Amino acid sequence: MKKVNTVKKHSEFDSIIRGGAKIRTAHYSFFFEKSPLPYTRIGLSVGKKNGGAVTRVRIKRQVRAMIERRKEYDLPINLIIAIRPEFVEADQRELENELNATFDRIKEQLN
């Protein structure tokens, strides 16, 4: 994921989470809003309930890899993906399918 496609600032995270739409799945919580920019910006949030620092960084790397395989940054949205604690026990293929299905739902809601 390129730097231009990431949400980094705490204030942006808060504004997207408070003001955007929500979709909850078994392993993720998605918060999104329309963006004036012509591309997608994504932020990841992994809480301490998911494990220690090493585990949380590994989870972020896994999710970034799943997003990168999808290669879809043309939607004008800001998106926060909060990883739920159930993520750790789940199968990788199931997690990726759930992520892709939710991206498709978001795309439908925006059109």
PDB file of N, CA and C in Angstrom:
ATOM      1  N   MET A   1       0.847  -1.162   0.000  1.00  0.00           N
ATOM      2  CA  MET A   1       0.000   0.000   0.000  1.00  0.00           C
ATOM      3  C   MET A   1       0.900   1.235   0.000  1.00  0.00           C
ATOM      4  N   LYS A   2       0.662   2.133  -0.913  1.00  0.00           N
ATOM      5  CA  LYS A   2       1.477   3.349  -1.011  1.00  0.00           C
ATOM      6  C   LYS A   2       1.128   4.314   0.119  1.00  0.00           C
ATOM      7  N   LYS A   3       2.069   5.183   0.425  1.00  0.00           N
ATOM      8  CA  LYS A   3       1.880   6.141   1.507  1.00  0.00           C
ATOM      9  C   LYS A   3       0.693   7.063   1.241  1.00  0.00           C
ATOM     10  N   VAL A   4       0.471   7.412  -0.025  1.00  0.00           N
ATOM     11  CA  VAL A   4      -0.636   8.302  -0.379  1.00  0.00           C
ATOM     12  C   VAL A   4      -1.991   7.635  -0.105  1.00  0.00           C
ATOM     13  N   ASN A   5      -2.014   6.314  -0.025  1.00  0.00           N
ATOM     14  CA  ASN A   5      -3.253   5.577   0.197  1.00  0.00           C
ATOM     15  C   ASN A   5      -3.486   5.224   1.666  1.00  0.00           C
ATOM     16  N   THR A   6      -2.795   5.879   2.584  1.00  0.00           N
ATOM     17  CA  THR A   6      -2.980   5.562   3.991  1.00  0.00           C
ATOM     18  C   THR A   6      -3.528   6.753   4.769  1.00  0.00           C
ATOM     19  N   VAL A   7      -4.296   6.434   5.789  1.00  0.00           N
ATOM     20  CA  VAL A   7      -4.778   7.434   6.750  1.00  0.00           C
ATOM     21  C   VAL A   7      -3.878   7.287   7.969  1.00  0.00           C
ATOM     22  N   LYS A   8      -3.212   8.345   8.371  1.00  0.00           N
ATOM     23  CA  LYS A   8      -2.261   8.276   9.474  1.00  0.00           C
ATOM     24  C   LYS A   8      -2.663   9.107  10.694  1.00  0.00           C
ATOM     25  N   LYS A   9      -3.255  10.263  10.468  1.00  0.00           N
ATOM     26  CA  LYS A   9      -3.523  11.192  11.563  1.00  0.00           C
ATOM     27  C   LYS A   9      -4.663  10.711  12.456  1.00  0.00           C
ATOM     28  N   HIS A  10      -4.459  10.879  13.758  1.00  0.00           N
ATOM     29  CA  HIS A  10      -5.469  10.483  14.739  1.00  0.00           C
ATOM     30  C   HIS A  10      -6.776  11.246  14.520  1.00  0.00           C
ATOM     31  N   SER A  11      -6.672  12.526  14.173  1.00  0.00           N
ATOM     32  CA  SER A  11      -7.875  13.330  13.958  1.00  0.00           C
ATOM     33  C   SER A  11      -8.678  12.812  12.756  1.00  0.00           C
ATOM     34  N   GLU A  12      -7.990  12.336  11.711  1.00  0.00           N
ATOM     35  CA  GLU A  12      -8.685  11.773  10.548  1.00  0.00           C
ATOM     36  C   GLU A  12      -9.369  10.464  10.925  1.00  0.00           C
ATOM     37  N   PHE A  13      -8.681   9.627  11.710  1.00  0.00           N
ATOM     38  CA  PHE A  13      -9.286   8.381  12.182  1.00  0.00           C
ATOM     39  C   PHE A  13     -10.584   8.689  12.924  1.00  0.00           C
ATOM     40  N   ASP A  14     -10.506   9.631  13.878  1.00  0.00           N
ATOM     41  CA  ASP A  14     -11.683   9.987  14.673  1.00  0.00           C
ATOM     42  C   ASP A  14     -12.819  10.503  13.808  1.00  0.00           C
ATOM     43  N   SER A  15     -12.511  11.362  12.855  1.00  0.00           N
ATOM     44  CA  SER A  15     -13.551  11.949  12.022  1.00  0.00           C
ATOM     45  C   SER A  15     -14.226  10.890  11.146  1.00  0.00           C
ATOM     46  N   ILE A  16     -13.463   9.952  10.617  1.00  0.00           N
ATOM     47  CA  ILE A  16     -14.039   8.887   9.783  1.00  0.00           C
ATOM     48  C   ILE A  16     -14.889   7.946  10.634  1.00  0.00           C
ATOM     49  N   ILE A  17     -14.390   7.589  11.811  1.00  0.00           N
ATOM     50  CA  ILE A  17     -15.128   6.662  12.683  1.00  0.00           C
ATOM     51  C   ILE A  17     -16.416   7.301  13.188  1.00  0.00           C
ATOM     52  N   ARG A  18     -16.363   8.567  13.576  1.00  0.00           N
ATOM     53  CA  ARG A  18     -17.559   9.223  14.112  1.00  0.00           C
ATOM     54  C   ARG A  18     -18.556   9.623  13.034  1.00  0.00           C
ATOM     55  N   GLY A  19     -18.070  10.074  11.889  1.00  0.00           N
ATOM     56  CA  GLY A  19     -18.965  10.629  10.889  1.00  0.00           C
ATOM     57  C   GLY A  19     -19.316   9.707   9.741  1.00  0.00           C
ATOM     58  N   GLY A  20     -18.679   8.565   9.646  1.00  0.00           N
ATOM     59  CA  GLY A  20     -18.891   7.696   8.493  1.00  0.00           C
ATOM     60  C   GLY A  20     -19.889   6.587   8.732  1.00  0.00           C
ATOM     61  N   ALA A  21     -20.126   5.830   7.675  1.00  0.00           N
ATOM     62  CA  ALA A  21     -20.997   4.656   7.755  1.00  0.00           C
ATOM     63  C   ALA A  21     -20.200   3.489   8.337  1.00  0.00           C
ATOM     64  N   LYS A  22     -20.929   2.474   8.856  1.00  0.00           N
ATOM     65  CA  LYS A  22     -20.276   1.338   9.493  1.00  0.00           C
ATOM     66  C   LYS A  22     -20.774   0.030   8.899  1.00  0.00           C
ATOM     67  N   ILE A  23     -19.863  -0.907   8.779  1.00  0.00           N
ATOM     68  CA  ILE A  23     -20.221  -2.290   8.449  1.00  0.00           C
ATOM     69  C   ILE A  23     -19.417  -3.170   9.392  1.00  0.00           C
ATOM     70  N   ARG A  24     -20.097  -4.044  10.110  1.00  0.00           N
ATOM     71  CA  ARG A  24     -19.412  -4.967  11.018  1.00  0.00           C
ATOM     72  C   ARG A  24     -19.522  -6.380  10.474  1.00  0.00           C
ATOM     73  N   THR A  25     -18.421  -7.097  10.508  1.00  0.00           N
ATOM     74  CA  THR A  25     -18.401  -8.499  10.119  1.00  0.00           C
ATOM     75  C   THR A  25     -17.846  -9.301  11.294  1.00  0.00           C
ATOM     76  N   ALA A  26     -17.649 -10.583  11.095  1.00  0.00           N
ATOM     77  CA  ALA A  26     -17.167 -11.437  12.181  1.00  0.00           C
ATOM     78  C   ALA A  26     -15.750 -11.068  12.641  1.00  0.00           C
ATOM     79  N   HIS A  27     -14.919 -10.597  11.717  1.00  0.00           N
ATOM     80  CA  HIS A  27     -13.519 -10.342  12.051  1.00  0.00           C
ATOM     81  C   HIS A  27     -13.060  -8.899  11.865  1.00  0.00           C
ATOM     82  N   TYR A  28     -13.922  -8.061  11.279  1.00  0.00           N
ATOM     83  CA  TYR A  28     -13.551  -6.683  10.988  1.00  0.00           C
ATOM     84  C   TYR A  28     -14.702  -5.740  11.341  1.00  0.00           C
ATOM     85  N   SER A  29     -14.335  -4.478  11.558  1.00  0.00           N
ATOM     86  CA  SER A  29     -15.304  -3.385  11.602  1.00  0.00           C
ATOM     87  C   SER A  29     -14.819  -2.348  10.594  1.00  0.00           C
ATOM     88  N   PHE A  30     -15.677  -1.989   9.651  1.00  0.00           N
ATOM     89  CA  PHE A  30     -15.323  -1.034   8.604  1.00  0.00           C
ATOM     90  C   PHE A  30     -16.041   0.281   8.859  1.00  0.00           C
ATOM     91  N   PHE A  31     -15.309   1.369   8.801  1.00  0.00           N
ATOM     92  CA  PHE A  31     -15.863   2.714   8.918  1.00  0.00           C
ATOM     93  C   PHE A  31     -15.424   3.461   7.667  1.00  0.00           C
ATOM     94  N   PHE A  32     -16.367   4.055   6.950  1.00  0.00           N
ATOM     95  CA  PHE A  32     -15.987   4.720   5.705  1.00  0.00           C
ATOM     96  C   PHE A  32     -16.839   5.942   5.448  1.00  0.00           C
ATOM     97  N   GLU A  33     -16.265   6.859   4.659  1.00  0.00           N
ATOM     98  CA  GLU A  33     -16.960   8.061   4.236  1.00  0.00           C
ATOM     99  C   GLU A  33     -16.437   8.456   2.859  1.00  0.00           C
ATOM    100  N   LYS A  34     -17.243   9.216   2.140  1.00  0.00           N
ATOM    101  CA  LYS A  34     -16.798   9.706   0.828  1.00  0.00           C
ATOM    102  C   LYS A  34     -15.656  10.689   1.017  1.00  0.00           C
ATOM    103  N   SER A  35     -14.805  10.716   0.014  1.00  0.00           N
ATOM    104  CA  SER A  35     -13.631  11.573   0.072  1.00  0.00           C
ATOM    105  C   SER A  35     -13.612  12.513  -1.134  1.00  0.00           C
ATOM    106  N   PRO A  36     -13.094  13.724  -0.970  1.00  0.00           N
ATOM    107  CA  PRO A  36     -12.961  14.612  -2.130  1.00  0.00           C
ATOM    108  C   PRO A  36     -11.823  14.182  -3.061  1.00  0.00           C
ATOM    109  N   LEU A  37     -10.953  13.303  -2.578  1.00  0.00           N
ATOM    110  CA  LEU A  37      -9.838  12.811  -3.394  1.00  0.00           C
ATOM    111  C   LEU A  37     -10.318  11.686  -4.309  1.00  0.00           C
ATOM    112  N   PRO A  38      -9.713  11.527  -5.482  1.00  0.00           N
ATOM    113  CA  PRO A  38     -10.184  10.517  -6.445  1.00  0.00           C
ATOM    114  C   PRO A  38      -9.670   9.100  -6.182  1.00  0.00           C
ATOM    115  N   TYR A  39      -9.090   8.860  -5.023  1.00  0.00           N
ATOM    116  CA  TYR A  39      -8.549   7.536  -4.726  1.00  0.00           C
ATOM    117  C   TYR A  39      -8.906   7.125  -3.297  1.00  0.00           C
ATOM    118  N   THR A  40      -8.697   5.866  -2.986  1.00  0.00           N
ATOM    119  CA  THR A  40      -9.021   5.302  -1.681  1.00  0.00           C
ATOM    120  C   THR A  40      -7.875   5.533  -0.704  1.00  0.00           C
ATOM    121  N   ARG A  41      -8.235   5.907   0.519  1.00  0.00           N
ATOM    122  CA  ARG A  41      -7.267   6.003   1.616  1.00  0.00           C
ATOM    123  C   ARG A  41      -7.723   5.053   2.707  1.00  0.00           C
ATOM    124  N   ILE A  42      -6.799   4.242   3.218  1.00  0.00           N
ATOM    125  CA  ILE A  42      -7.140   3.198   4.178  1.00  0.00           C
ATOM    126  C   ILE A  42      -6.280   3.341   5.429  1.00  0.00           C
ATOM    127  N   GLY A  43      -6.923   3.177   6.581  1.00  0.00           N
ATOM    128  CA  GLY A  43      -6.220   3.140   7.859  1.00  0.00           C
ATOM    129  C   GLY A  43      -6.551   1.846   8.566  1.00  0.00           C
ATOM    130  N   LEU A  44      -5.587   1.281   9.257  1.00  0.00           N
ATOM    131  CA  LEU A  44      -5.797   0.034   9.985  1.00  0.00           C
ATOM    132  C   LEU A  44      -5.692   0.282  11.481  1.00  0.00           C
ATOM    133  N   SER A  45      -6.558  -0.381  12.223  1.00  0.00           N
ATOM    134  CA  SER A  45      -6.554  -0.273  13.671  1.00  0.00           C
ATOM    135  C   SER A  45      -6.595  -1.676  14.265  1.00  0.00           C
ATOM    136  N   VAL A  46      -5.580  -2.000  15.066  1.00  0.00           N
ATOM    137  CA  VAL A  46      -5.514  -3.303  15.726  1.00  0.00           C
ATOM    138  C   VAL A  46      -5.344  -3.034  17.209  1.00  0.00           C
ATOM    139  N   GLY A  47      -6.346  -3.412  18.000  1.00  0.00           N
ATOM    140  CA  GLY A  47      -6.327  -3.142  19.432  1.00  0.00           C
ATOM    141  C   GLY A  47      -5.492  -4.131  20.225  1.00  0.00           C
ATOM    142  N   LYS A  48      -5.240  -3.798  21.474  1.00  0.00           N
ATOM    143  CA  LYS A  48      -4.415  -4.637  22.341  1.00  0.00           C
ATOM    144  C   LYS A  48      -5.071  -5.973  22.685  1.00  0.00           C
ATOM    145  N   LYS A  49      -6.372  -6.078  22.482  1.00  0.00           N
ATOM    146  CA  LYS A  49      -7.050  -7.353  22.736  1.00  0.00           C
ATOM    147  C   LYS A  49      -6.632  -8.416  21.721  1.00  0.00           C
ATOM    148  N   ASN A  50      -6.023  -7.996  20.611  1.00  0.00           N
ATOM    149  CA  ASN A  50      -5.567  -8.929  19.583  1.00  0.00           C
ATOM    150  C   ASN A  50      -4.243  -9.579  19.948  1.00  0.00           C
ATOM    151  N   GLY A  51      -3.519  -9.045  20.908  1.00  0.00           N
ATOM    152  CA  GLY A  51      -2.241  -9.628  21.312  1.00  0.00           C
ATOM    153  C   GLY A  51      -1.198  -8.558  21.555  1.00  0.00           C
ATOM    154  N   GLY A  52       0.036  -9.013  21.706  1.00  0.00           N
ATOM    155  CA  GLY A  52       1.145  -8.104  21.945  1.00  0.00           C
ATOM    156  C   GLY A  52       1.527  -7.342  20.686  1.00  0.00           C
ATOM    157  N   ALA A  53       2.551  -6.512  20.811  1.00  0.00           N
ATOM    158  CA  ALA A  53       2.972  -5.656  19.703  1.00  0.00           C
ATOM    159  C   ALA A  53       3.380  -6.458  18.473  1.00  0.00           C
ATOM    160  N   VAL A  54       4.095  -7.545  18.677  1.00  0.00           N
ATOM    161  CA  VAL A  54       4.550  -8.356  17.547  1.00  0.00           C
ATOM    162  C   VAL A  54       3.356  -8.943  16.795  1.00  0.00           C
ATOM    163  N   THR A  55       2.370  -9.425  17.530  1.00  0.00           N
ATOM    164  CA  THR A  55       1.163  -9.999  16.918  1.00  0.00           C
ATOM    165  C   THR A  55       0.384  -8.933  16.164  1.00  0.00           C
ATOM    166  N   ARG A  56       0.249  -7.752  16.749  1.00  0.00           N
ATOM    167  CA  ARG A  56      -0.511  -6.680  16.096  1.00  0.00           C
ATOM    168  C   ARG A  56       0.159  -6.226  14.802  1.00  0.00           C
ATOM    169  N   VAL A  57       1.482  -6.143  14.788  1.00  0.00           N
ATOM    170  CA  VAL A  57       2.200  -5.756  13.577  1.00  0.00           C
ATOM    171  C   VAL A  57       2.038  -6.841  12.506  1.00  0.00           C
ATOM    172  N   ARG A  58       2.088  -8.110  12.911  1.00  0.00           N
ATOM    173  CA  ARG A  58       1.891  -9.215  11.966  1.00  0.00           C
ATOM    174  C   ARG A  58       0.500  -9.156  11.350  1.00  0.00           C
ATOM    175  N   ILE A  59      -0.512  -8.868  12.169  1.00  0.00           N
ATOM    176  CA  ILE A  59      -1.884  -8.756  11.674  1.00  0.00           C
ATOM    177  C   ILE A  59      -1.988  -7.621  10.659  1.00  0.00           C
ATOM    178  N   LYS A  60      -1.392  -6.475  10.959  1.00  0.00           N
ATOM    179  CA  LYS A  60      -1.422  -5.349  10.016  1.00  0.00           C
ATOM    180  C   LYS A  60      -0.768  -5.722   8.692  1.00  0.00           C
ATOM    181  N   ARG A  61       0.369  -6.425   8.757  1.00  0.00           N
ATOM    182  CA  ARG A  61       1.041  -6.854   7.530  1.00  0.00           C
ATOM    183  C   ARG A  61       0.164  -7.790   6.718  1.00  0.00           C
ATOM    184  N   GLN A  62      -0.524  -8.721   7.394  1.00  0.00           N
ATOM    185  CA  GLN A  62      -1.415  -9.659   6.702  1.00  0.00           C
ATOM    186  C   GLN A  62      -2.554  -8.919   6.003  1.00  0.00           C
ATOM    187  N   VAL A  63      -3.172  -7.978   6.696  1.00  0.00           N
ATOM    188  CA  VAL A  63      -4.300  -7.244   6.128  1.00  0.00           C
ATOM    189  C   VAL A  63      -3.827  -6.366   4.971  1.00  0.00           C
ATOM    190  N   ARG A  64      -2.663  -5.718   5.121  1.00  0.00           N
ATOM    191  CA  ARG A  64      -2.136  -4.914   4.016  1.00  0.00           C
ATOM    192  C   ARG A  64      -1.879  -5.776   2.779  1.00  0.00           C
ATOM    193  N   ALA A  65      -1.381  -6.993   2.988  1.00  0.00           N
ATOM    194  CA  ALA A  65      -1.128  -7.904   1.862  1.00  0.00           C
ATOM    195  C   ALA A  65      -2.439  -8.287   1.181  1.00  0.00           C
ATOM    196  N   MET A  66      -3.496  -8.527   1.967  1.00  0.00           N
ATOM    197  CA  MET A  66      -4.805  -8.862   1.389  1.00  0.00           C
ATOM    198  C   MET A  66      -5.341  -7.687   0.563  1.00  0.00           C
ATOM    199  N   ILE A  67      -5.188  -6.482   1.087  1.00  0.00           N
ATOM    200  CA  ILE A  67      -5.654  -5.290   0.379  1.00  0.00           C
ATOM    201  C   ILE A  67      -4.846  -5.097  -0.898  1.00  0.00           C
ATOM    202  N   GLU A  68      -3.557  -5.318  -0.819  1.00  0.00           N
ATOM    203  CA  GLU A  68      -2.677  -5.148  -1.979  1.00  0.00           C
ATOM    204  C   GLU A  68      -3.029  -6.137  -3.094  1.00  0.00           C
ATOM    205  N   ARG A  69      -3.387  -7.356  -2.735  1.00  0.00           N
ATOM    206  CA  ARG A  69      -3.797  -8.340  -3.753  1.00  0.00           C
ATOM    207  C   ARG A  69      -5.058  -7.902  -4.475  1.00  0.00           C
ATOM    208  N   ARG A  70      -5.914  -7.185  -3.795  1.00  0.00           N
ATOM    209  CA  ARG A  70      -7.154  -6.715  -4.418  1.00  0.00           C
ATOM    210  C   ARG A  70      -6.883  -5.599  -5.430  1.00  0.00           C
ATOM    211  N   LYS A  71      -5.900  -4.754  -5.156  1.00  0.00           N
ATOM    212  CA  LYS A  71      -5.473  -3.673  -6.066  1.00  0.00           C
ATOM    213  C   LYS A  71      -6.621  -2.805  -6.552  1.00  0.00           C
ATOM    214  N   GLU A  72      -7.399  -2.317  -5.621  1.00  0.00           N
ATOM    215  CA  GLU A  72      -8.529  -1.464  -5.994  1.00  0.00           C
ATOM    216  C   GLU A  72      -8.484  -0.184  -5.174  1.00  0.00           C
ATOM    217  N   TYR A  73      -7.879   0.832  -5.743  1.00  0.00           N
ATOM    218  CA  TYR A  73      -7.742   2.101  -5.049  1.00  0.00           C
ATOM    219  C   TYR A  73      -8.467   3.230  -5.779  1.00  0.00           C
ATOM    220  N   ASP A  74      -9.422   2.897  -6.647  1.00  0.00           N
ATOM    221  CA  ASP A  74     -10.065   3.925  -7.458  1.00  0.00           C
ATOM    222  C   ASP A  74     -11.349   4.486  -6.850  1.00  0.00           C
ATOM    223  N   LEU A  75     -11.786   3.957  -5.710  1.00  0.00           N
ATOM    224  CA  LEU A  75     -12.985   4.484  -5.057  1.00  0.00           C
ATOM    225  C   LEU A  75     -12.631   5.750  -4.278  1.00  0.00           C
ATOM    226  N   PRO A  76     -13.440   6.799  -4.375  1.00  0.00           N
ATOM    227  CA  PRO A  76     -13.145   8.029  -3.626  1.00  0.00           C
ATOM    228  C   PRO A  76     -13.662   7.945  -2.184  1.00  0.00           C
ATOM    229  N   ILE A  77     -13.003   7.114  -1.374  1.00  0.00           N
ATOM    230  CA  ILE A  77     -13.433   6.953   0.023  1.00  0.00           C
ATOM    231  C   ILE A  77     -12.238   6.985   0.962  1.00  0.00           C
ATOM    232  N   ASN A  78     -12.547   7.318   2.209  1.00  0.00           N
ATOM    233  CA  ASN A  78     -11.624   7.144   3.321  1.00  0.00           C
ATOM    234  C   ASN A  78     -12.167   5.974   4.121  1.00  0.00           C
ATOM    235  N   LEU A  79     -11.319   5.005   4.432  1.00  0.00           N
ATOM    236  CA  LEU A  79     -11.755   3.761   5.048  1.00  0.00           C
ATOM    237  C   LEU A  79     -10.869   3.418   6.229  1.00  0.00           C
ATOM    238  N   ILE A  80     -11.497   3.088   7.346  1.00  0.00           N
ATOM    239  CA  ILE A  80     -10.778   2.585   8.514  1.00  0.00           C
ATOM    240  C   ILE A  80     -11.217   1.136   8.710  1.00  0.00           C
ATOM    241  N   ILE A  81     -10.250   0.238   8.829  1.00  0.00           N
ATOM    242  CA  ILE A  81     -10.536  -1.170   9.088  1.00  0.00           C
ATOM    243  C   ILE A  81     -10.032  -1.472  10.489  1.00  0.00           C
ATOM    244  N   ALA A  82     -10.957  -1.755  11.396  1.00  0.00           N
ATOM    245  CA  ALA A  82     -10.613  -2.141  12.761  1.00  0.00           C
ATOM    246  C   ALA A  82     -10.656  -3.662  12.828  1.00  0.00           C
ATOM    247  N   ILE A  83      -9.554  -4.265  13.229  1.00  0.00           N
ATOM    248  CA  ILE A  83      -9.463  -5.715  13.297  1.00  0.00           C
ATOM    249  C   ILE A  83      -9.980  -6.158  14.654  1.00  0.00           C
ATOM    250  N   ARG A  84     -10.905  -7.111  14.642  1.00  0.00           N
ATOM    251  CA  ARG A  84     -11.504  -7.598  15.877  1.00  0.00           C
ATOM    252  C   ARG A  84     -10.666  -8.742  16.453  1.00  0.00           C
ATOM    253  N   PRO A  85     -10.771  -9.015  17.753  1.00  0.00           N
ATOM    254  CA  PRO A  85      -9.947 -10.056  18.395  1.00  0.00           C
ATOM    255  C   PRO A  85     -10.134 -11.463  17.796  1.00  0.00           C
ATOM    256  N   GLU A  86     -11.269 -11.728  17.186  1.00  0.00           N
ATOM    257  CA  GLU A  86     -11.527 -13.044  16.600  1.00  0.00           C
ATOM    258  C   GLU A  86     -10.645 -13.322  15.383  1.00  0.00           C
ATOM    259  N   PHE A  87      -9.986 -12.300  14.868  1.00  0.00           N
ATOM    260  CA  PHE A  87      -9.134 -12.401  13.684  1.00  0.00           C
ATOM    261  C   PHE A  87      -8.036 -13.448  13.873  1.00  0.00           C
ATOM    262  N   VAL A  88      -7.460 -13.510  15.068  1.00  0.00           N
ATOM    263  CA  VAL A  88      -6.293 -14.349  15.336  1.00  0.00           C
ATOM    264  C   VAL A  88      -6.582 -15.830  15.114  1.00  0.00           C
ATOM    265  N   GLU A  89      -7.777 -16.301  15.460  1.00  0.00           N
ATOM    266  CA  GLU A  89      -8.097 -17.725  15.352  1.00  0.00           C
ATOM    267  C   GLU A  89      -8.629 -18.130  13.979  1.00  0.00           C
ATOM    268  N   ALA A  90      -8.889 -17.190  13.099  1.00  0.00           N
ATOM    269  CA  ALA A  90      -9.560 -17.486  11.832  1.00  0.00           C
ATOM    270  C   ALA A  90      -8.587 -17.974  10.754  1.00  0.00           C
ATOM    271  N   ASP A  91      -9.155 -18.640   9.755  1.00  0.00           N
ATOM    272  CA  ASP A  91      -8.411 -19.136   8.606  1.00  0.00           C
ATOM    273  C   ASP A  91      -8.118 -17.972   7.651  1.00  0.00           C
ATOM    274  N   GLN A  92      -6.921 -17.941   7.090  1.00  0.00           N
ATOM    275  CA  GLN A  92      -6.493 -16.845   6.209  1.00  0.00           C
ATOM    276  C   GLN A  92      -7.399 -16.692   4.995  1.00  0.00           C
ATOM    277  N   ARG A  93      -7.797 -17.786   4.388  1.00  0.00           N
ATOM    278  CA  ARG A  93      -8.662 -17.728   3.194  1.00  0.00           C
ATOM    279  C   ARG A  93     -10.018 -17.138   3.554  1.00  0.00           C
ATOM    280  N   GLU A  94     -10.554 -17.541   4.700  1.00  0.00           N
ATOM    281  CA  GLU A  94     -11.841 -17.014   5.169  1.00  0.00           C
ATOM    282  C   GLU A  94     -11.746 -15.505   5.416  1.00  0.00           C
ATOM    283  N   LEU A  95     -10.639 -15.069   6.008  1.00  0.00           N
ATOM    284  CA  LEU A  95     -10.436 -13.640   6.287  1.00  0.00           C
ATOM    285  C   LEU A  95     -10.379 -12.822   5.001  1.00  0.00           C
ATOM    286  N   GLU A  96      -9.661 -13.343   4.009  1.00  0.00           N
ATOM    287  CA  GLU A  96      -9.543 -12.620   2.745  1.00  0.00           C
ATOM    288  C   GLU A  96     -10.874 -12.566   2.006  1.00  0.00           C
ATOM    289  N   ASN A  97     -11.630 -13.661   2.026  1.00  0.00           N
ATOM    290  CA  ASN A  97     -12.947 -13.672   1.378  1.00  0.00           C
ATOM    291  C   ASN A  97     -13.882 -12.670   2.045  1.00  0.00           C
ATOM    292  N   GLU A  98     -13.834 -12.615   3.371  1.00  0.00           N
ATOM    293  CA  GLU A  98     -14.675 -11.679   4.115  1.00  0.00           C
ATOM    294  C   GLU A  98     -14.293 -10.233   3.794  1.00  0.00           C
ATOM    295  N   LEU A  99     -13.006  -9.959   3.706  1.00  0.00           N
ATOM    296  CA  LEU A  99     -12.531  -8.618   3.370  1.00  0.00           C
ATOM    297  C   LEU A  99     -12.987  -8.218   1.969  1.00  0.00           C
ATOM    298  N   ASN A 100     -12.828  -9.105   0.995  1.00  0.00           N
ATOM    299  CA  ASN A 100     -13.236  -8.818  -0.386  1.00  0.00           C
ATOM    300  C   ASN A 100     -14.745  -8.620  -0.507  1.00  0.00           C
ATOM    301  N   ALA A 101     -15.517  -9.457   0.186  1.00  0.00           N
ATOM    302  CA  ALA A 101     -16.974  -9.324   0.148  1.00  0.00           C
ATOM    303  C   ALA A 101     -17.417  -7.985   0.734  1.00  0.00           C
ATOM    304  N   THR A 102     -16.753  -7.550   1.791  1.00  0.00           N
ATOM    305  CA  THR A 102     -17.116  -6.280   2.408  1.00  0.00           C
ATOM    306  C   THR A 102     -16.720  -5.106   1.516  1.00  0.00           C
ATOM    307  N   PHE A 103     -15.574  -5.199   0.845  1.00  0.00           N
ATOM    308  CA  PHE A 103     -15.200  -4.160  -0.120  1.00  0.00           C
ATOM    309  C   PHE A 103     -16.263  -4.046  -1.202  1.00  0.00           C
ATOM    310  N   ASP A 104     -16.780  -5.180  -1.674  1.00  0.00           N
ATOM    311  CA  ASP A 104     -17.832  -5.162  -2.699  1.00  0.00           C
ATOM    312  C   ASP A 104     -19.109  -4.504  -2.160  1.00  0.00           C
ATOM    313  N   ARG A 105     -19.457  -4.787  -0.888  1.00  0.00           N
ATOM    314  CA  ARG A 105     -20.632  -4.153  -0.274  1.00  0.00           C
ATOM    315  C   ARG A 105     -20.467  -2.638  -0.195  1.00  0.00           C
ATOM    316  N   ILE A 106     -19.283  -2.197   0.183  1.00  0.00           N
ATOM    317  CA  ILE A 106     -19.015  -0.759   0.282  1.00  0.00           C
ATOM    318  C   ILE A 106     -19.129  -0.115  -1.082  1.00  0.00           C
ATOM    319  N   LYS A 107     -18.593  -0.777  -2.085  1.00  0.00           N
ATOM    320  CA  LYS A 107     -18.653  -0.265  -3.454  1.00  0.00           C
ATOM    321  C   LYS A 107     -20.100  -0.118  -3.908  1.00  0.00           C
ATOM    322  N   GLU A 108     -20.958  -1.086  -3.589  1.00  0.00           N
ATOM    323  CA  GLU A 108     -22.376  -1.033  -3.940  1.00  0.00           C
ATOM    324  C   GLU A 108     -23.071   0.116  -3.217  1.00  0.00           C
ATOM    325  N   GLN A 109     -22.747   0.316  -1.934  1.00  0.00           N
ATOM    326  CA  GLN A 109     -23.390   1.375  -1.158  1.00  0.00           C
ATOM    327  C   GLN A 109     -23.026   2.764  -1.696  1.00  0.00           C
ATOM    328  N   LEU A 110     -21.828   2.911  -2.223  1.00  0.00           N
ATOM    329  CA  LEU A 110     -21.403   4.215  -2.728  1.00  0.00           C
ATOM    330  C   LEU A 110     -21.989   4.541  -4.091  1.00  0.00           C
ATOM    331  N   ASN A 111     -22.398   3.536  -4.834  1.00  0.00           N
ATOM    332  CA  ASN A 111     -22.959   3.769  -6.177  1.00  0.00           C
ATOM    333  C   ASN A 111     -24.444   3.911  -6.156  1.00  0.00           C
TER     334      ASN A 111
END
